[in-house]
Amino acid sequence: MTITAQDVQNCANLSRLAIDDTTAQSYAGSLDKILLMMNVLSDVDTDDIKPLANIHEACTELRADVANTDIDRDGFQTVAPAVQDGLYLVPQVIE
């Protein structure tokens, strides 16, 4: 499928945009390149590829779950509105 400058002008007209012929020609060339890339992607064999629920699923490295001794809990709790037995007290929001 080839996008022409006239196609771009028609879309621009429907969108109530003013685009000159040079810009329309440039956009048509860019859209053709995008469609060509999509055709290349459609040829890739993905039959044995499991879909990801999240793009970060495959590459996220988790840090070690280690207590940080640099945190001054007592210092932070001195400015907290309500504290009891070393825990922060918060208002109940769900009954």
PDB file of N, CA and C in Angstrom:
ATOM      1  N   MET A   1       0.850  -1.180   0.000  1.00  0.00           N
ATOM      2  CA  MET A   1       0.000   0.000   0.000  1.00  0.00           C
ATOM      3  C   MET A   1       0.888   1.233   0.000  1.00  0.00           C
ATOM      4  N   THR A   2       0.589   2.156  -0.857  1.00  0.00           N
ATOM      5  CA  THR A   2       1.364   3.386  -0.963  1.00  0.00           C
ATOM      6  C   THR A   2       0.496   4.568  -0.571  1.00  0.00           C
ATOM      7  N   ILE A   3       1.034   5.391   0.305  1.00  0.00           N
ATOM      8  CA  ILE A   3       0.349   6.615   0.730  1.00  0.00           C
ATOM      9  C   ILE A   3       0.818   7.741  -0.193  1.00  0.00           C
ATOM     10  N   THR A   4      -0.105   8.458  -0.756  1.00  0.00           N
ATOM     11  CA  THR A   4       0.238   9.572  -1.642  1.00  0.00           C
ATOM     12  C   THR A   4       0.047  10.893  -0.907  1.00  0.00           C
ATOM     13  N   ALA A   5       0.598  11.935  -1.488  1.00  0.00           N
ATOM     14  CA  ALA A   5       0.426  13.269  -0.920  1.00  0.00           C
ATOM     15  C   ALA A   5      -1.055  13.662  -0.938  1.00  0.00           C
ATOM     16  N   GLN A   6      -1.783  13.184  -1.938  1.00  0.00           N
ATOM     17  CA  GLN A   6      -3.221  13.461  -2.004  1.00  0.00           C
ATOM     18  C   GLN A   6      -3.953  12.795  -0.841  1.00  0.00           C
ATOM     19  N   ASP A   7      -3.536  11.572  -0.461  1.00  0.00           N
ATOM     20  CA  ASP A   7      -4.133  10.907   0.700  1.00  0.00           C
ATOM     21  C   ASP A   7      -3.911  11.728   1.969  1.00  0.00           C
ATOM     22  N   VAL A   8      -2.696  12.250   2.107  1.00  0.00           N
ATOM     23  CA  VAL A   8      -2.380  13.075   3.283  1.00  0.00           C
ATOM     24  C   VAL A   8      -3.217  14.344   3.261  1.00  0.00           C
ATOM     25  N   GLN A   9      -3.344  14.964   2.090  1.00  0.00           N
ATOM     26  CA  GLN A   9      -4.157  16.180   1.968  1.00  0.00           C
ATOM     27  C   GLN A   9      -5.621  15.892   2.311  1.00  0.00           C
ATOM     28  N   ASN A  10      -6.142  14.743   1.880  1.00  0.00           N
ATOM     29  CA  ASN A  10      -7.525  14.389   2.200  1.00  0.00           C
ATOM     30  C   ASN A  10      -7.722  14.204   3.713  1.00  0.00           C
ATOM     31  N   CYS A  11      -6.786  13.525   4.354  1.00  0.00           N
ATOM     32  CA  CYS A  11      -6.872  13.349   5.816  1.00  0.00           C
ATOM     33  C   CYS A  11      -6.764  14.693   6.530  1.00  0.00           C
ATOM     34  N   ALA A  12      -5.869  15.536   6.040  1.00  0.00           N
ATOM     35  CA  ALA A  12      -5.713  16.857   6.634  1.00  0.00           C
ATOM     36  C   ALA A  12      -6.992  17.665   6.484  1.00  0.00           C
ATOM     37  N   ASN A  13      -7.630  17.562   5.332  1.00  0.00           N
ATOM     38  CA  ASN A  13      -8.879  18.271   5.091  1.00  0.00           C
ATOM     39  C   ASN A  13      -9.963  17.788   6.051  1.00  0.00           C
ATOM     40  N   LEU A  14     -10.064  16.468   6.217  1.00  0.00           N
ATOM     41  CA  LEU A  14     -11.059  15.915   7.142  1.00  0.00           C
ATOM     42  C   LEU A  14     -10.778  16.336   8.588  1.00  0.00           C
ATOM     43  N   SER A  15      -9.496  16.537   8.905  1.00  0.00           N
ATOM     44  CA  SER A  15      -9.103  16.943  10.257  1.00  0.00           C
ATOM     45  C   SER A  15      -9.093  18.451  10.426  1.00  0.00           C
ATOM     46  N   ARG A  16      -9.456  19.144   9.369  1.00  0.00           N
ATOM     47  CA  ARG A  16      -9.467  20.608   9.361  1.00  0.00           C
ATOM     48  C   ARG A  16      -8.074  21.183   9.638  1.00  0.00           C
ATOM     49  N   LEU A  17      -7.057  20.565   8.991  1.00  0.00           N
ATOM     50  CA  LEU A  17      -5.678  21.030   9.094  1.00  0.00           C
ATOM     51  C   LEU A  17      -5.230  21.584   7.755  1.00  0.00           C
ATOM     52  N   ALA A  18      -4.403  22.601   7.799  1.00  0.00           N
ATOM     53  CA  ALA A  18      -3.853  23.172   6.570  1.00  0.00           C
ATOM     54  C   ALA A  18      -2.427  22.660   6.401  1.00  0.00           C
ATOM     55  N   ILE A  19      -2.201  21.886   5.345  1.00  0.00           N
ATOM     56  CA  ILE A  19      -0.871  21.339   5.069  1.00  0.00           C
ATOM     57  C   ILE A  19      -0.516  21.677   3.627  1.00  0.00           C
ATOM     58  N   ASP A  20       0.690  22.253   3.444  1.00  0.00           N
ATOM     59  CA  ASP A  20       1.110  22.581   2.079  1.00  0.00           C
ATOM     60  C   ASP A  20       1.582  21.308   1.362  1.00  0.00           C
ATOM     61  N   ASP A  21       1.774  21.424   0.045  1.00  0.00           N
ATOM     62  CA  ASP A  21       2.119  20.257  -0.773  1.00  0.00           C
ATOM     63  C   ASP A  21       3.456  19.637  -0.385  1.00  0.00           C
ATOM     64  N   THR A  22       4.437  20.458  -0.027  1.00  0.00           N
ATOM     65  CA  THR A  22       5.754  19.940   0.355  1.00  0.00           C
ATOM     66  C   THR A  22       5.652  19.108   1.632  1.00  0.00           C
ATOM     67  N   THR A  23       4.912  19.615   2.606  1.00  0.00           N
ATOM     68  CA  THR A  23       4.728  18.898   3.862  1.00  0.00           C
ATOM     69  C   THR A  23       3.942  17.613   3.634  1.00  0.00           C
ATOM     70  N   ALA A  24       2.919  17.685   2.803  1.00  0.00           N
ATOM     71  CA  ALA A  24       2.114  16.496   2.501  1.00  0.00           C
ATOM     72  C   ALA A  24       2.974  15.424   1.846  1.00  0.00           C
ATOM     73  N   GLN A  25       3.852  15.823   0.944  1.00  0.00           N
ATOM     74  CA  GLN A  25       4.748  14.871   0.294  1.00  0.00           C
ATOM     75  C   GLN A  25       5.704  14.246   1.306  1.00  0.00           C
ATOM     76  N   SER A  26       6.213  15.057   2.224  1.00  0.00           N
ATOM     77  CA  SER A  26       7.114  14.553   3.259  1.00  0.00           C
ATOM     78  C   SER A  26       6.393  13.564   4.177  1.00  0.00           C
ATOM     79  N   TYR A  27       5.177  13.915   4.586  1.00  0.00           N
ATOM     80  CA  TYR A  27       4.392  13.029   5.448  1.00  0.00           C
ATOM     81  C   TYR A  27       4.069  11.722   4.733  1.00  0.00           C
ATOM     82  N   ALA A  28       3.762  11.808   3.454  1.00  0.00           N
ATOM     83  CA  ALA A  28       3.445  10.604   2.685  1.00  0.00           C
ATOM     84  C   ALA A  28       4.657   9.672   2.653  1.00  0.00           C
ATOM     85  N   GLY A  29       5.840  10.223   2.459  1.00  0.00           N
ATOM     86  CA  GLY A  29       7.056   9.405   2.464  1.00  0.00           C
ATOM     87  C   GLY A  29       7.299   8.761   3.823  1.00  0.00           C
ATOM     88  N   SER A  30       7.092   9.515   4.880  1.00  0.00           N
ATOM     89  CA  SER A  30       7.281   8.974   6.234  1.00  0.00           C
ATOM     90  C   SER A  30       6.268   7.875   6.536  1.00  0.00           C
ATOM     91  N   LEU A  31       5.025   8.094   6.139  1.00  0.00           N
ATOM     92  CA  LEU A  31       3.997   7.079   6.374  1.00  0.00           C
ATOM     93  C   LEU A  31       4.272   5.816   5.572  1.00  0.00           C
ATOM     94  N   ASP A  32       4.793   5.966   4.366  1.00  0.00           N
ATOM     95  CA  ASP A  32       5.168   4.791   3.561  1.00  0.00           C
ATOM     96  C   ASP A  32       6.257   3.986   4.257  1.00  0.00           C
ATOM     97  N   LYS A  33       7.241   4.678   4.844  1.00  0.00           N
ATOM     98  CA  LYS A  33       8.312   3.985   5.562  1.00  0.00           C
ATOM     99  C   LYS A  33       7.759   3.229   6.768  1.00  0.00           C
ATOM    100  N   ILE A  34       6.825   3.840   7.481  1.00  0.00           N
ATOM    101  CA  ILE A  34       6.217   3.185   8.645  1.00  0.00           C
ATOM    102  C   ILE A  34       5.460   1.938   8.219  1.00  0.00           C
ATOM    103  N   LEU A  35       4.683   2.052   7.149  1.00  0.00           N
ATOM    104  CA  LEU A  35       3.939   0.887   6.667  1.00  0.00           C
ATOM    105  C   LEU A  35       4.871  -0.223   6.184  1.00  0.00           C
ATOM    106  N   LEU A  36       5.999   0.145   5.577  1.00  0.00           N
ATOM    107  CA  LEU A  36       6.980  -0.842   5.150  1.00  0.00           C
ATOM    108  C   LEU A  36       7.555  -1.576   6.364  1.00  0.00           C
ATOM    109  N   MET A  37       7.849  -0.828   7.437  1.00  0.00           N
ATOM    110  CA  MET A  37       8.345  -1.467   8.657  1.00  0.00           C
ATOM    111  C   MET A  37       7.299  -2.404   9.259  1.00  0.00           C
ATOM    112  N   MET A  38       6.042  -2.014   9.202  1.00  0.00           N
ATOM    113  CA  MET A  38       4.974  -2.870   9.725  1.00  0.00           C
ATOM    114  C   MET A  38       4.870  -4.155   8.903  1.00  0.00           C
ATOM    115  N   ASN A  39       5.073  -4.070   7.600  1.00  0.00           N
ATOM    116  CA  ASN A  39       5.062  -5.268   6.758  1.00  0.00           C
ATOM    117  C   ASN A  39       6.207  -6.204   7.127  1.00  0.00           C
ATOM    118  N   VAL A  40       7.374  -5.638   7.419  1.00  0.00           N
ATOM    119  CA  VAL A  40       8.519  -6.453   7.838  1.00  0.00           C
ATOM    120  C   VAL A  40       8.194  -7.148   9.160  1.00  0.00           C
ATOM    121  N   LEU A  41       7.608  -6.415  10.105  1.00  0.00           N
ATOM    122  CA  LEU A  41       7.261  -6.994  11.399  1.00  0.00           C
ATOM    123  C   LEU A  41       6.211  -8.095  11.270  1.00  0.00           C
ATOM    124  N   SER A  42       5.300  -7.952  10.327  1.00  0.00           N
ATOM    125  CA  SER A  42       4.258  -8.969  10.174  1.00  0.00           C
ATOM    126  C   SER A  42       4.825 -10.282   9.648  1.00  0.00           C
ATOM    127  N   ASP A  43       6.014 -10.252   9.053  1.00  0.00           N
ATOM    128  CA  ASP A  43       6.647 -11.467   8.550  1.00  0.00           C
ATOM    129  C   ASP A  43       7.423 -12.225   9.623  1.00  0.00           C
ATOM    130  N   VAL A  44       7.598 -11.643  10.796  1.00  0.00           N
ATOM    131  CA  VAL A  44       8.362 -12.295  11.863  1.00  0.00           C
ATOM    132  C   VAL A  44       7.534 -13.428  12.462  1.00  0.00           C
ATOM    133  N   ASP A  45       8.182 -14.594  12.636  1.00  0.00           N
ATOM    134  CA  ASP A  45       7.506 -15.763  13.198  1.00  0.00           C
ATOM    135  C   ASP A  45       7.434 -15.627  14.718  1.00  0.00           C
ATOM    136  N   THR A  46       6.246 -15.466  15.255  1.00  0.00           N
ATOM    137  CA  THR A  46       6.050 -15.310  16.696  1.00  0.00           C
ATOM    138  C   THR A  46       5.208 -16.432  17.280  1.00  0.00           C
ATOM    139  N   ASP A  47       5.153 -17.564  16.603  1.00  0.00           N
ATOM    140  CA  ASP A  47       4.302 -18.671  17.051  1.00  0.00           C
ATOM    141  C   ASP A  47       4.705 -19.204  18.416  1.00  0.00           C
ATOM    142  N   ASP A  48       6.003 -19.311  18.698  1.00  0.00           N
ATOM    143  CA  ASP A  48       6.465 -19.883  19.964  1.00  0.00           C
ATOM    144  C   ASP A  48       6.819 -18.822  20.995  1.00  0.00           C
ATOM    145  N   ILE A  49       6.408 -17.588  20.794  1.00  0.00           N
ATOM    146  CA  ILE A  49       6.726 -16.501  21.709  1.00  0.00           C
ATOM    147  C   ILE A  49       5.549 -16.263  22.642  1.00  0.00           C
ATOM    148  N   LYS A  50       5.822 -16.328  23.949  1.00  0.00           N
ATOM    149  CA  LYS A  50       4.790 -16.087  24.947  1.00  0.00           C
ATOM    150  C   LYS A  50       4.597 -14.575  25.104  1.00  0.00           C
ATOM    151  N   PRO A  51       3.371 -14.090  25.061  1.00  0.00           N
ATOM    152  CA  PRO A  51       3.143 -12.646  25.201  1.00  0.00           C
ATOM    153  C   PRO A  51       3.513 -12.161  26.605  1.00  0.00           C
ATOM    154  N   LEU A  52       3.974 -10.926  26.675  1.00  0.00           N
ATOM    155  CA  LEU A  52       4.321 -10.314  27.951  1.00  0.00           C
ATOM    156  C   LEU A  52       3.127  -9.535  28.483  1.00  0.00           C
ATOM    157  N   ALA A  53       2.945  -9.592  29.778  1.00  0.00           N
ATOM    158  CA  ALA A  53       1.907  -8.785  30.400  1.00  0.00           C
ATOM    159  C   ALA A  53       2.418  -7.366  30.618  1.00  0.00           C
ATOM    160  N   ASN A  54       3.733  -7.216  30.652  1.00  0.00           N
ATOM    161  CA  ASN A  54       4.351  -5.936  30.933  1.00  0.00           C
ATOM    162  C   ASN A  54       5.676  -5.892  30.186  1.00  0.00           C
ATOM    163  N   ILE A  55       6.039  -4.771  29.603  1.00  0.00           N
ATOM    164  CA  ILE A  55       7.284  -4.696  28.843  1.00  0.00           C
ATOM    165  C   ILE A  55       8.503  -4.836  29.740  1.00  0.00           C
ATOM    166  N   HIS A  56       8.371  -4.574  31.025  1.00  0.00           N
ATOM    167  CA  HIS A  56       9.487  -4.667  31.952  1.00  0.00           C
ATOM    168  C   HIS A  56       9.631  -6.076  32.525  1.00  0.00           C
ATOM    169  N   GLU A  57       8.714  -6.945  32.202  1.00  0.00           N
ATOM    170  CA  GLU A  57       8.688  -8.294  32.750  1.00  0.00           C
ATOM    171  C   GLU A  57       9.976  -9.070  32.461  1.00  0.00           C
ATOM    172  N   ALA A  58      10.526  -8.891  31.305  1.00  0.00           N
ATOM    173  CA  ALA A  58      11.673  -9.681  30.899  1.00  0.00           C
ATOM    174  C   ALA A  58      13.000  -9.095  31.361  1.00  0.00           C
ATOM    175  N   CYS A  59      13.047  -7.843  31.770  1.00  0.00           N
ATOM    176  CA  CYS A  59      14.343  -7.222  32.028  1.00  0.00           C
ATOM    177  C   CYS A  59      14.486  -6.591  33.409  1.00  0.00           C
ATOM    178  N   THR A  60      13.503  -6.679  34.265  1.00  0.00           N
ATOM    179  CA  THR A  60      13.597  -6.044  35.561  1.00  0.00           C
ATOM    180  C   THR A  60      14.401  -6.902  36.522  1.00  0.00           C
ATOM    181  N   GLU A  61      15.460  -6.296  37.072  1.00  0.00           N
ATOM    182  CA  GLU A  61      16.240  -6.972  38.094  1.00  0.00           C
ATOM    183  C   GLU A  61      15.846  -6.377  39.437  1.00  0.00           C
ATOM    184  N   LEU A  62      15.505  -7.227  40.360  1.00  0.00           N
ATOM    185  CA  LEU A  62      15.088  -6.766  41.671  1.00  0.00           C
ATOM    186  C   LEU A  62      16.295  -6.646  42.582  1.00  0.00           C
ATOM    187  N   ARG A  63      16.274  -5.655  43.427  1.00  0.00           N
ATOM    188  CA  ARG A  63      17.369  -5.486  44.376  1.00  0.00           C
ATOM    189  C   ARG A  63      17.208  -6.498  45.500  1.00  0.00           C
ATOM    190  N   ALA A  64      18.280  -6.737  46.210  1.00  0.00           N
ATOM    191  CA  ALA A  64      18.239  -7.665  47.334  1.00  0.00           C
ATOM    192  C   ALA A  64      17.367  -7.085  48.447  1.00  0.00           C
ATOM    193  N   ASP A  65      16.592  -7.927  49.085  1.00  0.00           N
ATOM    194  CA  ASP A  65      15.713  -7.503  50.163  1.00  0.00           C
ATOM    195  C   ASP A  65      16.502  -7.531  51.471  1.00  0.00           C
ATOM    196  N   VAL A  66      17.226  -6.436  51.707  1.00  0.00           N
ATOM    197  CA  VAL A  66      18.108  -6.339  52.867  1.00  0.00           C
ATOM    198  C   VAL A  66      17.709  -5.110  53.667  1.00  0.00           C
ATOM    199  N   ALA A  67      17.701  -5.254  54.988  1.00  0.00           N
ATOM    200  CA  ALA A  67      17.362  -4.127  55.852  1.00  0.00           C
ATOM    201  C   ALA A  67      18.417  -3.037  55.714  1.00  0.00           C
ATOM    202  N   ASN A  68      17.984  -1.785  55.644  1.00  0.00           N
ATOM    203  CA  ASN A  68      18.881  -0.646  55.526  1.00  0.00           C
ATOM    204  C   ASN A  68      19.079  -0.063  56.911  1.00  0.00           C
ATOM    205  N   THR A  69      20.278  -0.182  57.426  1.00  0.00           N
ATOM    206  CA  THR A  69      20.546   0.298  58.779  1.00  0.00           C
ATOM    207  C   THR A  69      20.785   1.805  58.828  1.00  0.00           C
ATOM    208  N   ASP A  70      20.848   2.459  57.683  1.00  0.00           N
ATOM    209  CA  ASP A  70      21.067   3.906  57.645  1.00  0.00           C
ATOM    210  C   ASP A  70      19.788   4.695  57.920  1.00  0.00           C
ATOM    211  N   ILE A  71      18.648   4.050  57.936  1.00  0.00           N
ATOM    212  CA  ILE A  71      17.381   4.740  58.147  1.00  0.00           C
ATOM    213  C   ILE A  71      17.193   5.006  59.635  1.00  0.00           C
ATOM    214  N   ASP A  72      16.950   6.268  59.973  1.00  0.00           N
ATOM    215  CA  ASP A  72      16.748   6.677  61.365  1.00  0.00           C
ATOM    216  C   ASP A  72      15.250   6.677  61.673  1.00  0.00           C
ATOM    217  N   ARG A  73      14.710   5.511  62.031  1.00  0.00           N
ATOM    218  CA  ARG A  73      13.278   5.384  62.266  1.00  0.00           C
ATOM    219  C   ARG A  73      12.809   6.300  63.385  1.00  0.00           C
ATOM    220  N   ASP A  74      13.552   6.357  64.475  1.00  0.00           N
ATOM    221  CA  ASP A  74      13.138   7.206  65.598  1.00  0.00           C
ATOM    222  C   ASP A  74      13.103   8.677  65.203  1.00  0.00           C
ATOM    223  N   GLY A  75      14.069   9.096  64.390  1.00  0.00           N
ATOM    224  CA  GLY A  75      14.092  10.478  63.924  1.00  0.00           C
ATOM    225  C   GLY A  75      12.903  10.804  63.043  1.00  0.00           C
ATOM    226  N   PHE A  76      12.544   9.875  62.147  1.00  0.00           N
ATOM    227  CA  PHE A  76      11.395  10.087  61.274  1.00  0.00           C
ATOM    228  C   PHE A  76      10.091  10.069  62.058  1.00  0.00           C
ATOM    229  N   GLN A  77      10.012   9.222  63.075  1.00  0.00           N
ATOM    230  CA  GLN A  77       8.768   9.114  63.829  1.00  0.00           C
ATOM    231  C   GLN A  77       8.531  10.293  64.759  1.00  0.00           C
ATOM    232  N   THR A  78       9.557  11.091  65.014  1.00  0.00           N
ATOM    233  CA  THR A  78       9.353  12.280  65.856  1.00  0.00           C
ATOM    234  C   THR A  78       8.491  13.324  65.156  1.00  0.00           C
ATOM    235  N   VAL A  79       8.462  13.301  63.817  1.00  0.00           N
ATOM    236  CA  VAL A  79       7.664  14.275  63.078  1.00  0.00           C
ATOM    237  C   VAL A  79       6.349  13.686  62.578  1.00  0.00           C
ATOM    238  N   ALA A  80       6.116  12.413  62.856  1.00  0.00           N
ATOM    239  CA  ALA A  80       4.874  11.774  62.409  1.00  0.00           C
ATOM    240  C   ALA A  80       3.718  12.209  63.295  1.00  0.00           C
ATOM    241  N   PRO A  81       2.515  12.368  62.716  1.00  0.00           N
ATOM    242  CA  PRO A  81       1.364  12.792  63.520  1.00  0.00           C
ATOM    243  C   PRO A  81       0.972  11.790  64.607  1.00  0.00           C
ATOM    244  N   ALA A  82       1.087  10.484  64.307  1.00  0.00           N
ATOM    245  CA  ALA A  82       0.693   9.482  65.298  1.00  0.00           C
ATOM    246  C   ALA A  82       1.564   8.238  65.152  1.00  0.00           C
ATOM    247  N   VAL A  83       2.140   7.806  66.301  1.00  0.00           N
ATOM    248  CA  VAL A  83       3.013   6.641  66.318  1.00  0.00           C
ATOM    249  C   VAL A  83       2.666   5.817  67.550  1.00  0.00           C
ATOM    250  N   GLN A  84       2.720   4.489  67.411  1.00  0.00           N
ATOM    251  CA  GLN A  84       2.489   3.625  68.572  1.00  0.00           C
ATOM    252  C   GLN A  84       3.346   2.375  68.408  1.00  0.00           C
ATOM    253  N   ASP A  85       4.139   2.057  69.418  1.00  0.00           N
ATOM    254  CA  ASP A  85       4.995   0.870  69.430  1.00  0.00           C
ATOM    255  C   ASP A  85       5.892   0.783  68.189  1.00  0.00           C
ATOM    256  N   GLY A  86       6.428   1.922  67.740  1.00  0.00           N
ATOM    257  CA  GLY A  86       7.322   1.938  66.592  1.00  0.00           C
ATOM    258  C   GLY A  86       6.626   1.876  65.249  1.00  0.00           C
ATOM    259  N   LEU A  87       5.291   1.943  65.223  1.00  0.00           N
ATOM    260  CA  LEU A  87       4.543   1.886  63.982  1.00  0.00           C
ATOM    261  C   LEU A  87       3.842   3.213  63.721  1.00  0.00           C
ATOM    262  N   TYR A  88       3.684   3.573  62.453  1.00  0.00           N
ATOM    263  CA  TYR A  88       2.956   4.771  62.086  1.00  0.00           C
ATOM    264  C   TYR A  88       1.469   4.457  62.123  1.00  0.00           C
ATOM    265  N   LEU A  89       0.682   5.312  62.757  1.00  0.00           N
ATOM    266  CA  LEU A  89      -0.758   5.152  62.805  1.00  0.00           C
ATOM    267  C   LEU A  89      -1.386   6.043  61.743  1.00  0.00           C
ATOM    268  N   VAL A  90      -2.270   5.465  60.968  1.00  0.00           N
ATOM    269  CA  VAL A  90      -2.962   6.213  59.911  1.00  0.00           C
ATOM    270  C   VAL A  90      -4.444   6.120  60.106  1.00  0.00           C
ATOM    271  N   PRO A  91      -5.207   7.095  59.639  1.00  0.00           N
ATOM    272  CA  PRO A  91      -6.665   7.033  59.794  1.00  0.00           C
ATOM    273  C   PRO A  91      -7.255   5.877  58.991  1.00  0.00           C
ATOM    274  N   GLN A  92      -8.291   5.264  59.528  1.00  0.00           N
ATOM    275  CA  GLN A  92      -8.977   4.195  58.818  1.00  0.00           C
ATOM    276  C   GLN A  92      -9.766   4.803  57.665  1.00  0.00           C
ATOM    277  N   VAL A  93      -9.582   4.227  56.471  1.00  0.00           N
ATOM    278  CA  VAL A  93     -10.279   4.733  55.309  1.00  0.00           C
ATOM    279  C   VAL A  93     -11.305   3.752  54.766  1.00  0.00           C
ATOM    280  N   ILE A  94     -11.219   2.502  55.169  1.00  0.00           N
ATOM    281  CA  ILE A  94     -12.171   1.487  54.731  1.00  0.00           C
ATOM    282  C   ILE A  94     -12.828   0.895  55.976  1.00  0.00           C
ATOM    283  N   GLU A  95     -14.132   0.832  55.965  1.00  0.00           N
ATOM    284  CA  GLU A  95     -14.843   0.269  57.121  1.00  0.00           C
ATOM    285  C   GLU A  95     -15.040  -1.204  56.987  1.00  0.00           C
TER     286      GLU A  95
END
